[in-house]
Amino acid sequence: MIALAIPALAADGPGSADNPPASAGPDAANVADLQRQLADTQDKLATALHSYALLEDENTRLKDESEAETLRTQVRQLRDQVAELSAENAKLKTRLALLGPLPGGAGVPGRPTPTPSNAP
């Protein structure tokens, strides 16, 4: 959070914004009025800075949520793609099995068959 060091101009002694001195003339009233305006402006600034910090935090949170949603969407798309490719792979394996051994090829690898040299 952003914080400002603002000196306290309006003290509780004589000459403060809330308690001008008894011998105050027109200038003292003007100073008191300016001090009140300064205090109001400082309060408004502090409120604005606090609001800005809250909005900044909310913005960061929303960006994080947006990025997470984007990643979730990508995961869903990749899962769909994996499912499609798995189905296509299964179809190709089935077609290959139905074709039988290819001419000049060794066929589909399976369990090894015993040869006379391996026989007991």
PDB file of N, CA and C in Angstrom:
ATOM      1  N   MET A   1       0.848  -1.167   0.000  1.00  0.00           N
ATOM      2  CA  MET A   1       0.000   0.000   0.000  1.00  0.00           C
ATOM      3  C   MET A   1       0.893   1.230   0.000  1.00  0.00           C
ATOM      4  N   ILE A   2       0.422   2.298  -0.599  1.00  0.00           N
ATOM      5  CA  ILE A   2       1.183   3.537  -0.698  1.00  0.00           C
ATOM      6  C   ILE A   2       0.841   4.404   0.501  1.00  0.00           C
ATOM      7  N   ALA A   3       1.837   4.923   1.164  1.00  0.00           N
ATOM      8  CA  ALA A   3       1.605   5.784   2.330  1.00  0.00           C
ATOM      9  C   ALA A   3       2.431   7.050   2.171  1.00  0.00           C
ATOM     10  N   LEU A   4       1.885   8.144   2.640  1.00  0.00           N
ATOM     11  CA  LEU A   4       2.582   9.421   2.598  1.00  0.00           C
ATOM     12  C   LEU A   4       2.816   9.909   4.009  1.00  0.00           C
ATOM     13  N   ALA A   5       3.921  10.524   4.200  1.00  0.00           N
ATOM     14  CA  ALA A   5       4.188  11.156   5.488  1.00  0.00           C
ATOM     15  C   ALA A   5       3.714  12.592   5.382  1.00  0.00           C
ATOM     16  N   ILE A   6       2.597  12.897   6.014  1.00  0.00           N
ATOM     17  CA  ILE A   6       2.012  14.232   5.953  1.00  0.00           C
ATOM     18  C   ILE A   6       2.122  14.843   7.341  1.00  0.00           C
ATOM     19  N   PRO A   7       2.828  15.947   7.461  1.00  0.00           N
ATOM     20  CA  PRO A   7       2.956  16.556   8.787  1.00  0.00           C
ATOM     21  C   PRO A   7       1.612  17.081   9.270  1.00  0.00           C
ATOM     22  N   ALA A   8       1.422  16.990  10.538  1.00  0.00           N
ATOM     23  CA  ALA A   8       0.181  17.480  11.136  1.00  0.00           C
ATOM     24  C   ALA A   8       0.286  18.985  11.300  1.00  0.00           C
ATOM     25  N   LEU A   9      -0.417  19.697  10.439  1.00  0.00           N
ATOM     26  CA  LEU A   9      -0.369  21.155  10.494  1.00  0.00           C
ATOM     27  C   LEU A   9      -1.406  21.723  11.453  1.00  0.00           C
ATOM     28  N   ALA A  10      -2.415  20.938  11.690  1.00  0.00           N
ATOM     29  CA  ALA A  10      -3.477  21.436  12.551  1.00  0.00           C
ATOM     30  C   ALA A  10      -3.313  20.834  13.937  1.00  0.00           C
ATOM     31  N   ALA A  11      -2.592  21.488  14.816  1.00  0.00           N
ATOM     32  CA  ALA A  11      -2.394  21.014  16.189  1.00  0.00           C
ATOM     33  C   ALA A  11      -3.534  21.516  17.056  1.00  0.00           C
ATOM     34  N   ASP A  12      -3.603  21.042  18.280  1.00  0.00           N
ATOM     35  CA  ASP A  12      -4.677  21.435  19.177  1.00  0.00           C
ATOM     36  C   ASP A  12      -4.326  22.671  20.000  1.00  0.00           C
ATOM     37  N   GLY A  13      -3.348  23.409  19.642  1.00  0.00           N
ATOM     38  CA  GLY A  13      -2.955  24.595  20.405  1.00  0.00           C
ATOM     39  C   GLY A  13      -3.508  25.856  19.779  1.00  0.00           C
ATOM     40  N   PRO A  14      -3.168  27.006  20.320  1.00  0.00           N
ATOM     41  CA  PRO A  14      -3.628  28.262  19.743  1.00  0.00           C
ATOM     42  C   PRO A  14      -3.062  28.418  18.341  1.00  0.00           C
ATOM     43  N   GLY A  15      -3.888  28.952  17.484  1.00  0.00           N
ATOM     44  CA  GLY A  15      -3.480  29.168  16.113  1.00  0.00           C
ATOM     45  C   GLY A  15      -3.742  27.975  15.228  1.00  0.00           C
ATOM     46  N   SER A  16      -4.389  26.937  15.752  1.00  0.00           N
ATOM     47  CA  SER A  16      -4.700  25.783  14.927  1.00  0.00           C
ATOM     48  C   SER A  16      -5.931  26.067  14.092  1.00  0.00           C
ATOM     49  N   ALA A  17      -6.214  25.176  13.152  1.00  0.00           N
ATOM     50  CA  ALA A  17      -7.358  25.383  12.257  1.00  0.00           C
ATOM     51  C   ALA A  17      -8.662  25.356  13.031  1.00  0.00           C
ATOM     52  N   ASP A  18      -8.736  24.533  14.051  1.00  0.00           N
ATOM     53  CA  ASP A  18      -9.971  24.432  14.825  1.00  0.00           C
ATOM     54  C   ASP A  18     -10.064  25.478  15.931  1.00  0.00           C
ATOM     55  N   ASN A  19      -8.947  26.075  16.306  1.00  0.00           N
ATOM     56  CA  ASN A  19      -8.941  26.983  17.437  1.00  0.00           C
ATOM     57  C   ASN A  19      -8.015  28.165  17.135  1.00  0.00           C
ATOM     58  N   PRO A  20      -8.470  29.141  16.323  1.00  0.00           N
ATOM     59  CA  PRO A  20      -7.614  30.284  16.035  1.00  0.00           C
ATOM     60  C   PRO A  20      -7.372  31.094  17.300  1.00  0.00           C
ATOM     61  N   PRO A  21      -6.237  31.825  17.366  1.00  0.00           N
ATOM     62  CA  PRO A  21      -5.947  32.623  18.571  1.00  0.00           C
ATOM     63  C   PRO A  21      -7.002  33.707  18.776  1.00  0.00           C
ATOM     64  N   ALA A  22      -7.157  34.123  20.036  1.00  0.00           N
ATOM     65  CA  ALA A  22      -8.182  35.107  20.377  1.00  0.00           C
ATOM     66  C   ALA A  22      -7.914  36.437  19.691  1.00  0.00           C
ATOM     67  N   SER A  23      -6.653  36.804  19.477  1.00  0.00           N
ATOM     68  CA  SER A  23      -6.342  38.084  18.861  1.00  0.00           C
ATOM     69  C   SER A  23      -6.232  37.962  17.345  1.00  0.00           C
ATOM     70  N   ALA A  24      -6.853  36.916  16.793  1.00  0.00           N
ATOM     71  CA  ALA A  24      -6.735  36.673  15.358  1.00  0.00           C
ATOM     72  C   ALA A  24      -7.490  37.730  14.583  1.00  0.00           C
ATOM     73  N   GLY A  25      -6.832  38.229  13.586  1.00  0.00           N
ATOM     74  CA  GLY A  25      -7.452  39.214  12.714  1.00  0.00           C
ATOM     75  C   GLY A  25      -7.890  38.524  11.431  1.00  0.00           C
ATOM     76  N   PRO A  26      -8.120  39.292  10.381  1.00  0.00           N
ATOM     77  CA  PRO A  26      -8.566  38.715   9.113  1.00  0.00           C
ATOM     78  C   PRO A  26      -7.536  37.749   8.524  1.00  0.00           C
ATOM     79  N   ASP A  27      -6.250  38.023   8.710  1.00  0.00           N
ATOM     80  CA  ASP A  27      -5.230  37.118   8.176  1.00  0.00           C
ATOM     81  C   ASP A  27      -5.259  35.772   8.902  1.00  0.00           C
ATOM     82  N   ALA A  28      -5.463  35.791  10.210  1.00  0.00           N
ATOM     83  CA  ALA A  28      -5.505  34.551  10.977  1.00  0.00           C
ATOM     84  C   ALA A  28      -6.697  33.706  10.549  1.00  0.00           C
ATOM     85  N   ALA A  29      -7.837  34.338  10.262  1.00  0.00           N
ATOM     86  CA  ALA A  29      -9.017  33.600   9.802  1.00  0.00           C
ATOM     87  C   ALA A  29      -8.722  32.978   8.439  1.00  0.00           C
ATOM     88  N   ASN A  30      -8.019  33.730   7.597  1.00  0.00           N
ATOM     89  CA  ASN A  30      -7.666  33.228   6.276  1.00  0.00           C
ATOM     90  C   ASN A  30      -6.726  32.021   6.401  1.00  0.00           C
ATOM     91  N   VAL A  31      -5.752  32.115   7.331  1.00  0.00           N
ATOM     92  CA  VAL A  31      -4.823  31.017   7.561  1.00  0.00           C
ATOM     93  C   VAL A  31      -5.582  29.799   8.081  1.00  0.00           C
ATOM     94  N   ALA A  32      -6.508  30.020   9.003  1.00  0.00           N
ATOM     95  CA  ALA A  32      -7.296  28.922   9.561  1.00  0.00           C
ATOM     96  C   ALA A  32      -8.117  28.252   8.462  1.00  0.00           C
ATOM     97  N   ASP A  33      -8.697  29.069   7.572  1.00  0.00           N
ATOM     98  CA  ASP A  33      -9.482  28.526   6.460  1.00  0.00           C
ATOM     99  C   ASP A  33      -8.589  27.712   5.517  1.00  0.00           C
ATOM    100  N   LEU A  34      -7.396  28.225   5.244  1.00  0.00           N
ATOM    101  CA  LEU A  34      -6.463  27.508   4.377  1.00  0.00           C
ATOM    102  C   LEU A  34      -6.006  26.197   5.016  1.00  0.00           C
ATOM    103  N   GLN A  35      -5.819  26.220   6.350  1.00  0.00           N
ATOM    104  CA  GLN A  35      -5.419  24.997   7.041  1.00  0.00           C
ATOM    105  C   GLN A  35      -6.532  23.942   6.969  1.00  0.00           C
ATOM    106  N   ARG A  36      -7.787  24.380   7.092  1.00  0.00           N
ATOM    107  CA  ARG A  36      -8.916  23.454   6.962  1.00  0.00           C
ATOM    108  C   ARG A  36      -8.963  22.870   5.551  1.00  0.00           C
ATOM    109  N   GLN A  37      -8.756  23.743   4.553  1.00  0.00           N
ATOM    110  CA  GLN A  37      -8.755  23.267   3.168  1.00  0.00           C
ATOM    111  C   GLN A  37      -7.619  22.269   2.941  1.00  0.00           C
ATOM    112  N   LEU A  38      -6.453  22.552   3.514  1.00  0.00           N
ATOM    113  CA  LEU A  38      -5.315  21.649   3.393  1.00  0.00           C
ATOM    114  C   LEU A  38      -5.631  20.299   4.034  1.00  0.00           C
ATOM    115  N   ALA A  39      -6.215  20.332   5.218  1.00  0.00           N
ATOM    116  CA  ALA A  39      -6.561  19.089   5.910  1.00  0.00           C
ATOM    117  C   ALA A  39      -7.581  18.289   5.097  1.00  0.00           C
ATOM    118  N   ASP A  40      -8.584  18.975   4.538  1.00  0.00           N
ATOM    119  CA  ASP A  40      -9.579  18.295   3.702  1.00  0.00           C
ATOM    120  C   ASP A  40      -8.919  17.684   2.462  1.00  0.00           C
ATOM    121  N   THR A  41      -8.022  18.444   1.851  1.00  0.00           N
ATOM    122  CA  THR A  41      -7.331  17.953   0.659  1.00  0.00           C
ATOM    123  C   THR A  41      -6.453  16.758   0.995  1.00  0.00           C
ATOM    124  N   GLN A  42      -5.783  16.822   2.151  1.00  0.00           N
ATOM    125  CA  GLN A  42      -4.949  15.687   2.561  1.00  0.00           C
ATOM    126  C   GLN A  42      -5.803  14.453   2.822  1.00  0.00           C
ATOM    127  N   ASP A  43      -6.974  14.637   3.424  1.00  0.00           N
ATOM    128  CA  ASP A  43      -7.889  13.510   3.650  1.00  0.00           C
ATOM    129  C   ASP A  43      -8.347  12.912   2.320  1.00  0.00           C
ATOM    130  N   LYS A  44      -8.685  13.780   1.378  1.00  0.00           N
ATOM    131  CA  LYS A  44      -9.122  13.306   0.061  1.00  0.00           C
ATOM    132  C   LYS A  44      -7.989  12.566  -0.652  1.00  0.00           C
ATOM    133  N   LEU A  45      -6.775  13.078  -0.528  1.00  0.00           N
ATOM    134  CA  LEU A  45      -5.621  12.429  -1.139  1.00  0.00           C
ATOM    135  C   LEU A  45      -5.380  11.062  -0.514  1.00  0.00           C
ATOM    136  N   ALA A  46      -5.446  10.983   0.801  1.00  0.00           N
ATOM    137  CA  ALA A  46      -5.250   9.699   1.480  1.00  0.00           C
ATOM    138  C   ALA A  46      -6.323   8.695   1.050  1.00  0.00           C
ATOM    139  N   THR A  47      -7.563   9.165   0.934  1.00  0.00           N
ATOM    140  CA  THR A  47      -8.650   8.293   0.484  1.00  0.00           C
ATOM    141  C   THR A  47      -8.414   7.829  -0.953  1.00  0.00           C
ATOM    142  N   ALA A  48      -7.995   8.763  -1.811  1.00  0.00           N
ATOM    143  CA  ALA A  48      -7.734   8.422  -3.209  1.00  0.00           C
ATOM    144  C   ALA A  48      -6.588   7.418  -3.320  1.00  0.00           C
ATOM    145  N   LEU A  49      -5.534   7.611  -2.544  1.00  0.00           N
ATOM    146  CA  LEU A  49      -4.403   6.684  -2.572  1.00  0.00           C
ATOM    147  C   LEU A  49      -4.808   5.299  -2.069  1.00  0.00           C
ATOM    148  N   HIS A  50      -5.625   5.273  -1.031  1.00  0.00           N
ATOM    149  CA  HIS A  50      -6.102   3.989  -0.512  1.00  0.00           C
ATOM    150  C   HIS A  50      -6.968   3.296  -1.560  1.00  0.00           C
ATOM    151  N   SER A  51      -7.852   4.049  -2.193  1.00  0.00           N
ATOM    152  CA  SER A  51      -8.706   3.483  -3.241  1.00  0.00           C
ATOM    153  C   SER A  51      -7.863   2.977  -4.404  1.00  0.00           C
ATOM    154  N   TYR A  52      -6.838   3.727  -4.769  1.00  0.00           N
ATOM    155  CA  TYR A  52      -5.948   3.321  -5.858  1.00  0.00           C
ATOM    156  C   TYR A  52      -5.258   2.005  -5.513  1.00  0.00           C
ATOM    157  N   ALA A  53      -4.775   1.884  -4.289  1.00  0.00           N
ATOM    158  CA  ALA A  53      -4.102   0.658  -3.871  1.00  0.00           C
ATOM    159  C   ALA A  53      -5.066  -0.529  -3.916  1.00  0.00           C
ATOM    160  N   LEU A  54      -6.312  -0.327  -3.474  1.00  0.00           N
ATOM    161  CA  LEU A  54      -7.309  -1.399  -3.526  1.00  0.00           C
ATOM    162  C   LEU A  54      -7.599  -1.802  -4.973  1.00  0.00           C
ATOM    163  N   LEU A  55      -7.748  -0.814  -5.850  1.00  0.00           N
ATOM    164  CA  LEU A  55      -8.005  -1.101  -7.259  1.00  0.00           C
ATOM    165  C   LEU A  55      -6.823  -1.820  -7.906  1.00  0.00           C
ATOM    166  N   GLU A  56      -5.625  -1.429  -7.538  1.00  0.00           N
ATOM    167  CA  GLU A  56      -4.430  -2.080  -8.072  1.00  0.00           C
ATOM    168  C   GLU A  56      -4.381  -3.546  -7.637  1.00  0.00           C
ATOM    169  N   ASP A  57      -4.708  -3.812  -6.377  1.00  0.00           N
ATOM    170  CA  ASP A  57      -4.749  -5.194  -5.883  1.00  0.00           C
ATOM    171  C   ASP A  57      -5.816  -6.006  -6.617  1.00  0.00           C
ATOM    172  N   GLU A  58      -6.976  -5.409  -6.811  1.00  0.00           N
ATOM    173  CA  GLU A  58      -8.070  -6.080  -7.523  1.00  0.00           C
ATOM    174  C   GLU A  58      -7.671  -6.360  -8.970  1.00  0.00           C
ATOM    175  N   ASN A  59      -7.012  -5.414  -9.596  1.00  0.00           N
ATOM    176  CA  ASN A  59      -6.558  -5.585 -10.978  1.00  0.00           C
ATOM    177  C   ASN A  59      -5.577  -6.748 -11.077  1.00  0.00           C
ATOM    178  N   THR A  60      -4.657  -6.833 -10.147  1.00  0.00           N
ATOM    179  CA  THR A  60      -3.688  -7.933 -10.127  1.00  0.00           C
ATOM    180  C   THR A  60      -4.403  -9.265  -9.953  1.00  0.00           C
ATOM    181  N   ARG A  61      -5.372  -9.308  -9.050  1.00  0.00           N
ATOM    182  CA  ARG A  61      -6.134 -10.538  -8.816  1.00  0.00           C
ATOM    183  C   ARG A  61      -6.885 -10.959 -10.071  1.00  0.00           C
ATOM    184  N   LEU A  62      -7.509  -9.997 -10.757  1.00  0.00           N
ATOM    185  CA  LEU A  62      -8.260 -10.307 -11.972  1.00  0.00           C
ATOM    186  C   LEU A  62      -7.348 -10.795 -13.089  1.00  0.00           C
ATOM    187  N   LYS A  63      -6.145 -10.205 -13.187  1.00  0.00           N
ATOM    188  CA  LYS A  63      -5.192 -10.667 -14.197  1.00  0.00           C
ATOM    189  C   LYS A  63      -4.789 -12.107 -13.920  1.00  0.00           C
ATOM    190  N   ASP A  64      -4.545 -12.422 -12.639  1.00  0.00           N
ATOM    191  CA  ASP A  64      -4.170 -13.786 -12.267  1.00  0.00           C
ATOM    192  C   ASP A  64      -5.297 -14.763 -12.605  1.00  0.00           C
ATOM    193  N   GLU A  65      -6.544 -14.369 -12.319  1.00  0.00           N
ATOM    194  CA  GLU A  65      -7.689 -15.217 -12.636  1.00  0.00           C
ATOM    195  C   GLU A  65      -7.824 -15.395 -14.139  1.00  0.00           C
ATOM    196  N   SER A  66      -7.595 -14.317 -14.891  1.00  0.00           N
ATOM    197  CA  SER A  66      -7.695 -14.381 -16.346  1.00  0.00           C
ATOM    198  C   SER A  66      -6.642 -15.321 -16.914  1.00  0.00           C
ATOM    199  N   GLU A  67      -5.420 -15.238 -16.401  1.00  0.00           N
ATOM    200  CA  GLU A  67      -4.357 -16.130 -16.855  1.00  0.00           C
ATOM    201  C   GLU A  67      -4.685 -17.572 -16.499  1.00  0.00           C
ATOM    202  N   ALA A  68      -5.243 -17.801 -15.334  1.00  0.00           N
ATOM    203  CA  ALA A  68      -5.607 -19.157 -14.920  1.00  0.00           C
ATOM    204  C   ALA A  68      -6.707 -19.703 -15.830  1.00  0.00           C
ATOM    205  N   GLU A  69      -7.676 -18.868 -16.173  1.00  0.00           N
ATOM    206  CA  GLU A  69      -8.754 -19.297 -17.065  1.00  0.00           C
ATOM    207  C   GLU A  69      -8.202 -19.619 -18.447  1.00  0.00           C
ATOM    208  N   THR A  70      -7.246 -18.833 -18.930  1.00  0.00           N
ATOM    209  CA  THR A  70      -6.615 -19.107 -20.220  1.00  0.00           C
ATOM    210  C   THR A  70      -5.916 -20.453 -20.187  1.00  0.00           C
ATOM    211  N   LEU A  71      -5.204 -20.732 -19.095  1.00  0.00           N
ATOM    212  CA  LEU A  71      -4.518 -22.018 -18.965  1.00  0.00           C
ATOM    213  C   LEU A  71      -5.510 -23.170 -18.889  1.00  0.00           C
ATOM    214  N   ARG A  72      -6.617 -22.990 -18.186  1.00  0.00           N
ATOM    215  CA  ARG A  72      -7.642 -24.041 -18.118  1.00  0.00           C
ATOM    216  C   ARG A  72      -8.214 -24.322 -19.504  1.00  0.00           C
ATOM    217  N   THR A  73      -8.431 -23.274 -20.285  1.00  0.00           N
ATOM    218  CA  THR A  73      -8.939 -23.443 -21.646  1.00  0.00           C
ATOM    219  C   THR A  73      -7.941 -24.214 -22.498  1.00  0.00           C
ATOM    220  N   GLN A  74      -6.668 -23.880 -22.379  1.00  0.00           N
ATOM    221  CA  GLN A  74      -5.640 -24.602 -23.137  1.00  0.00           C
ATOM    222  C   GLN A  74      -5.581 -26.068 -22.731  1.00  0.00           C
ATOM    223  N   VAL A  75      -5.717 -26.348 -21.444  1.00  0.00           N
ATOM    224  CA  VAL A  75      -5.707 -27.737 -20.973  1.00  0.00           C
ATOM    225  C   VAL A  75      -6.893 -28.493 -21.573  1.00  0.00           C
ATOM    226  N   ARG A  76      -8.082 -27.870 -21.580  1.00  0.00           N
ATOM    227  CA  ARG A  76      -9.253 -28.522 -22.174  1.00  0.00           C
ATOM    228  C   ARG A  76      -9.027 -28.807 -23.654  1.00  0.00           C
ATOM    229  N   GLN A  77      -8.457 -27.824 -24.381  1.00  0.00           N
ATOM    230  CA  GLN A  77      -8.205 -28.011 -25.803  1.00  0.00           C
ATOM    231  C   GLN A  77      -7.208 -29.136 -26.042  1.00  0.00           C
ATOM    232  N   LEU A  78      -6.155 -29.196 -25.224  1.00  0.00           N
ATOM    233  CA  LEU A  78      -5.161 -30.258 -25.374  1.00  0.00           C
ATOM    234  C   LEU A  78      -5.756 -31.631 -25.053  1.00  0.00           C
ATOM    235  N   ARG A  79      -6.606 -31.703 -24.050  1.00  0.00           N
ATOM    236  CA  ARG A  79      -7.266 -32.971 -23.721  1.00  0.00           C
ATOM    237  C   ARG A  79      -8.145 -33.425 -24.881  1.00  0.00           C
ATOM    238  N   ASP A  80      -8.883 -32.492 -25.471  1.00  0.00           N
ATOM    239  CA  ASP A  80      -9.721 -32.827 -26.631  1.00  0.00           C
ATOM    240  C   ASP A  80      -8.861 -33.330 -27.783  1.00  0.00           C
ATOM    241  N   GLN A  81      -7.734 -32.669 -28.009  1.00  0.00           N
ATOM    242  CA  GLN A  81      -6.834 -33.065 -29.085  1.00  0.00           C
ATOM    243  C   GLN A  81      -6.249 -34.452 -28.816  1.00  0.00           C
ATOM    244  N   VAL A  82      -5.882 -34.736 -27.570  1.00  0.00           N
ATOM    245  CA  VAL A  82      -5.357 -36.052 -27.208  1.00  0.00           C
ATOM    246  C   VAL A  82      -6.429 -37.117 -27.443  1.00  0.00           C
ATOM    247  N   ALA A  83      -7.662 -36.826 -27.078  1.00  0.00           N
ATOM    248  CA  ALA A  83      -8.752 -37.789 -27.283  1.00  0.00           C
ATOM    249  C   ALA A  83      -8.955 -38.061 -28.779  1.00  0.00           C
ATOM    250  N   GLU A  84      -8.930 -37.008 -29.593  1.00  0.00           N
ATOM    251  CA  GLU A  84      -9.084 -37.180 -31.040  1.00  0.00           C
ATOM    252  C   GLU A  84      -7.945 -38.010 -31.618  1.00  0.00           C
ATOM    253  N   LEU A  85      -6.714 -37.702 -31.207  1.00  0.00           N
ATOM    254  CA  LEU A  85      -5.560 -38.446 -31.724  1.00  0.00           C
ATOM    255  C   LEU A  85      -5.576 -39.897 -31.247  1.00  0.00           C
ATOM    256  N   SER A  86      -6.026 -40.146 -30.039  1.00  0.00           N
ATOM    257  CA  SER A  86      -6.125 -41.526 -29.537  1.00  0.00           C
ATOM    258  C   SER A  86      -7.147 -42.315 -30.343  1.00  0.00           C
ATOM    259  N   ALA A  87      -8.274 -41.682 -30.644  1.00  0.00           N
ATOM    260  CA  ALA A  87      -9.296 -42.351 -31.455  1.00  0.00           C
ATOM    261  C   ALA A  87      -8.765 -42.638 -32.859  1.00  0.00           C
ATOM    262  N   GLU A  88      -8.084 -41.674 -33.447  1.00  0.00           N
ATOM    263  CA  GLU A  88      -7.512 -41.871 -34.782  1.00  0.00           C
ATOM    264  C   GLU A  88      -6.461 -42.978 -34.746  1.00  0.00           C
ATOM    265  N   ASN A  89      -5.632 -43.020 -33.707  1.00  0.00           N
ATOM    266  CA  ASN A  89      -4.616 -44.060 -33.562  1.00  0.00           C
ATOM    267  C   ASN A  89      -5.271 -45.439 -33.466  1.00  0.00           C
ATOM    268  N   ALA A  90      -6.347 -45.543 -32.694  1.00  0.00           N
ATOM    269  CA  ALA A  90      -7.049 -46.825 -32.553  1.00  0.00           C
ATOM    270  C   ALA A  90      -7.622 -47.265 -33.905  1.00  0.00           C
ATOM    271  N   LYS A  91      -8.191 -46.343 -34.674  1.00  0.00           N
ATOM    272  CA  LYS A  91      -8.727 -46.675 -36.000  1.00  0.00           C
ATOM    273  C   LYS A  91      -7.624 -47.172 -36.923  1.00  0.00           C
ATOM    274  N   LEU A  92      -6.479 -46.493 -36.907  1.00  0.00           N
ATOM    275  CA  LEU A  92      -5.367 -46.896 -37.767  1.00  0.00           C
ATOM    276  C   LEU A  92      -4.834 -48.270 -37.376  1.00  0.00           C
ATOM    277  N   LYS A  93      -4.756 -48.547 -36.098  1.00  0.00           N
ATOM    278  CA  LYS A  93      -4.301 -49.863 -35.649  1.00  0.00           C
ATOM    279  C   LYS A  93      -5.280 -50.942 -36.109  1.00  0.00           C
ATOM    280  N   THR A  94      -6.571 -50.652 -36.027  1.00  0.00           N
ATOM    281  CA  THR A  94      -7.585 -51.611 -36.456  1.00  0.00           C
ATOM    282  C   THR A  94      -7.471 -51.864 -37.954  1.00  0.00           C
ATOM    283  N   ARG A  95      -7.331 -50.783 -38.726  1.00  0.00           N
ATOM    284  CA  ARG A  95      -7.192 -50.944 -40.182  1.00  0.00           C
ATOM    285  C   ARG A  95      -5.952 -51.750 -40.520  1.00  0.00           C
ATOM    286  N   LEU A  96      -4.861 -51.499 -39.830  1.00  0.00           N
ATOM    287  CA  LEU A  96      -3.619 -52.211 -40.070  1.00  0.00           C
ATOM    288  C   LEU A  96      -3.771 -53.696 -39.736  1.00  0.00           C
ATOM    289  N   ALA A  97      -4.460 -54.007 -38.660  1.00  0.00           N
ATOM    290  CA  ALA A  97      -4.675 -55.398 -38.275  1.00  0.00           C
ATOM    291  C   ALA A  97      -5.564 -56.115 -39.288  1.00  0.00           C
ATOM    292  N   LEU A  98      -6.546 -55.411 -39.850  1.00  0.00           N
ATOM    293  CA  LEU A  98      -7.448 -56.024 -40.830  1.00  0.00           C
ATOM    294  C   LEU A  98      -6.765 -56.249 -42.173  1.00  0.00           C
ATOM    295  N   LEU A  99      -5.761 -55.465 -42.502  1.00  0.00           N
ATOM    296  CA  LEU A  99      -5.055 -55.630 -43.767  1.00  0.00           C
ATOM    297  C   LEU A  99      -4.237 -56.908 -43.797  1.00  0.00           C
ATOM    298  N   GLY A 100      -3.812 -57.374 -42.676  1.00  0.00           N
ATOM    299  CA  GLY A 100      -2.983 -58.566 -42.621  1.00  0.00           C
ATOM    300  C   GLY A 100      -1.550 -58.221 -42.935  1.00  0.00           C
ATOM    301  N   PRO A 101      -0.723 -59.233 -43.089  1.00  0.00           N
ATOM    302  CA  PRO A 101       0.682 -58.967 -43.365  1.00  0.00           C
ATOM    303  C   PRO A 101       0.857 -58.339 -44.743  1.00  0.00           C
ATOM    304  N   LEU A 102       1.722 -57.397 -44.822  1.00  0.00           N
ATOM    305  CA  LEU A 102       1.997 -56.731 -46.085  1.00  0.00           C
ATOM    306  C   LEU A 102       2.932 -57.595 -46.919  1.00  0.00           C
ATOM    307  N   PRO A 103       2.783 -57.537 -48.241  1.00  0.00           N
ATOM    308  CA  PRO A 103       3.671 -58.338 -49.079  1.00  0.00           C
ATOM    309  C   PRO A 103       5.116 -57.917 -48.874  1.00  0.00           C
ATOM    310  N   GLY A 104       5.975 -58.871 -48.673  1.00  0.00           N
ATOM    311  CA  GLY A 104       7.387 -58.598 -48.478  1.00  0.00           C
ATOM    312  C   GLY A 104       7.715 -58.104 -47.084  1.00  0.00           C
ATOM    313  N   GLY A 105       6.720 -57.962 -46.240  1.00  0.00           N
ATOM    314  CA  GLY A 105       6.973 -57.490 -44.885  1.00  0.00           C
ATOM    315  C   GLY A 105       6.908 -58.630 -43.895  1.00  0.00           C
ATOM    316  N   ALA A 106       7.319 -58.377 -42.745  1.00  0.00           N
ATOM    317  CA  ALA A 106       7.308 -59.398 -41.706  1.00  0.00           C
ATOM    318  C   ALA A 106       5.958 -59.479 -41.023  1.00  0.00           C
ATOM    319  N   GLY A 107       5.062 -58.622 -41.380  1.00  0.00           N
ATOM    320  CA  GLY A 107       3.758 -58.623 -40.737  1.00  0.00           C
ATOM    321  C   GLY A 107       3.766 -57.805 -39.465  1.00  0.00           C
ATOM    322  N   VAL A 108       2.706 -57.916 -38.741  1.00  0.00           N
ATOM    323  CA  VAL A 108       2.581 -57.174 -37.500  1.00  0.00           C
ATOM    324  C   VAL A 108       3.375 -57.908 -36.433  1.00  0.00           C
ATOM    325  N   PRO A 109       4.247 -57.228 -35.755  1.00  0.00           N
ATOM    326  CA  PRO A 109       5.024 -57.931 -34.736  1.00  0.00           C
ATOM    327  C   PRO A 109       4.118 -58.467 -33.651  1.00  0.00           C
ATOM    328  N   GLY A 110       4.377 -59.681 -33.279  1.00  0.00           N
ATOM    329  CA  GLY A 110       3.571 -60.313 -32.236  1.00  0.00           C
ATOM    330  C   GLY A 110       4.471 -61.118 -31.351  1.00  0.00           C
ATOM    331  N   ARG A 111       3.944 -62.229 -30.891  1.00  0.00           N
ATOM    332  CA  ARG A 111       4.719 -63.108 -30.036  1.00  0.00           C
ATOM    333  C   ARG A 111       5.720 -63.888 -30.887  1.00  0.00           C
ATOM    334  N   PRO A 112       6.942 -64.010 -30.428  1.00  0.00           N
ATOM    335  CA  PRO A 112       7.909 -64.760 -31.248  1.00  0.00           C
ATOM    336  C   PRO A 112       7.525 -66.239 -31.346  1.00  0.00           C
ATOM    337  N   THR A 113       7.744 -66.778 -32.522  1.00  0.00           N
ATOM    338  CA  THR A 113       7.435 -68.199 -32.710  1.00  0.00           C
ATOM    339  C   THR A 113       8.731 -68.996 -32.534  1.00  0.00           C
ATOM    340  N   PRO A 114       8.626 -70.156 -31.962  1.00  0.00           N
ATOM    341  CA  PRO A 114       9.832 -70.949 -31.745  1.00  0.00           C
ATOM    342  C   PRO A 114      10.407 -71.425 -33.088  1.00  0.00           C
ATOM    343  N   THR A 115      11.672 -71.371 -33.223  1.00  0.00           N
ATOM    344  CA  THR A 115      12.363 -71.873 -34.414  1.00  0.00           C
ATOM    345  C   THR A 115      13.024 -73.205 -34.064  1.00  0.00           C
ATOM    346  N   PRO A 116      13.343 -74.023 -35.049  1.00  0.00           N
ATOM    347  CA  PRO A 116      13.933 -75.317 -34.722  1.00  0.00           C
ATOM    348  C   PRO A 116      15.212 -75.197 -33.908  1.00  0.00           C
ATOM    349  N   SER A 117      15.947 -74.107 -34.057  1.00  0.00           N
ATOM    350  CA  SER A 117      17.176 -73.982 -33.278  1.00  0.00           C
ATOM    351  C   SER A 117      16.872 -73.668 -31.813  1.00  0.00           C
ATOM    352  N   ASN A 118      15.680 -73.104 -31.557  1.00  0.00           N
ATOM    353  CA  ASN A 118      15.294 -72.772 -30.178  1.00  0.00           C
ATOM    354  C   ASN A 118      14.514 -73.901 -29.515  1.00  0.00           C
ATOM    355  N   ALA A 119      14.128 -74.921 -30.308  1.00  0.00           N
ATOM    356  CA  ALA A 119      13.278 -75.958 -29.754  1.00  0.00           C
ATOM    357  C   ALA A 119      14.080 -76.837 -28.803  1.00  0.00           C
ATOM    358  N   PRO A 120      13.430 -77.337 -27.758  1.00  0.00           N
ATOM    359  CA  PRO A 120      14.143 -78.191 -26.792  1.00  0.00           C
ATOM    360  C   PRO A 120      14.416 -79.551 -27.296  1.00  0.00           C
TER     361      PRO A 120
END
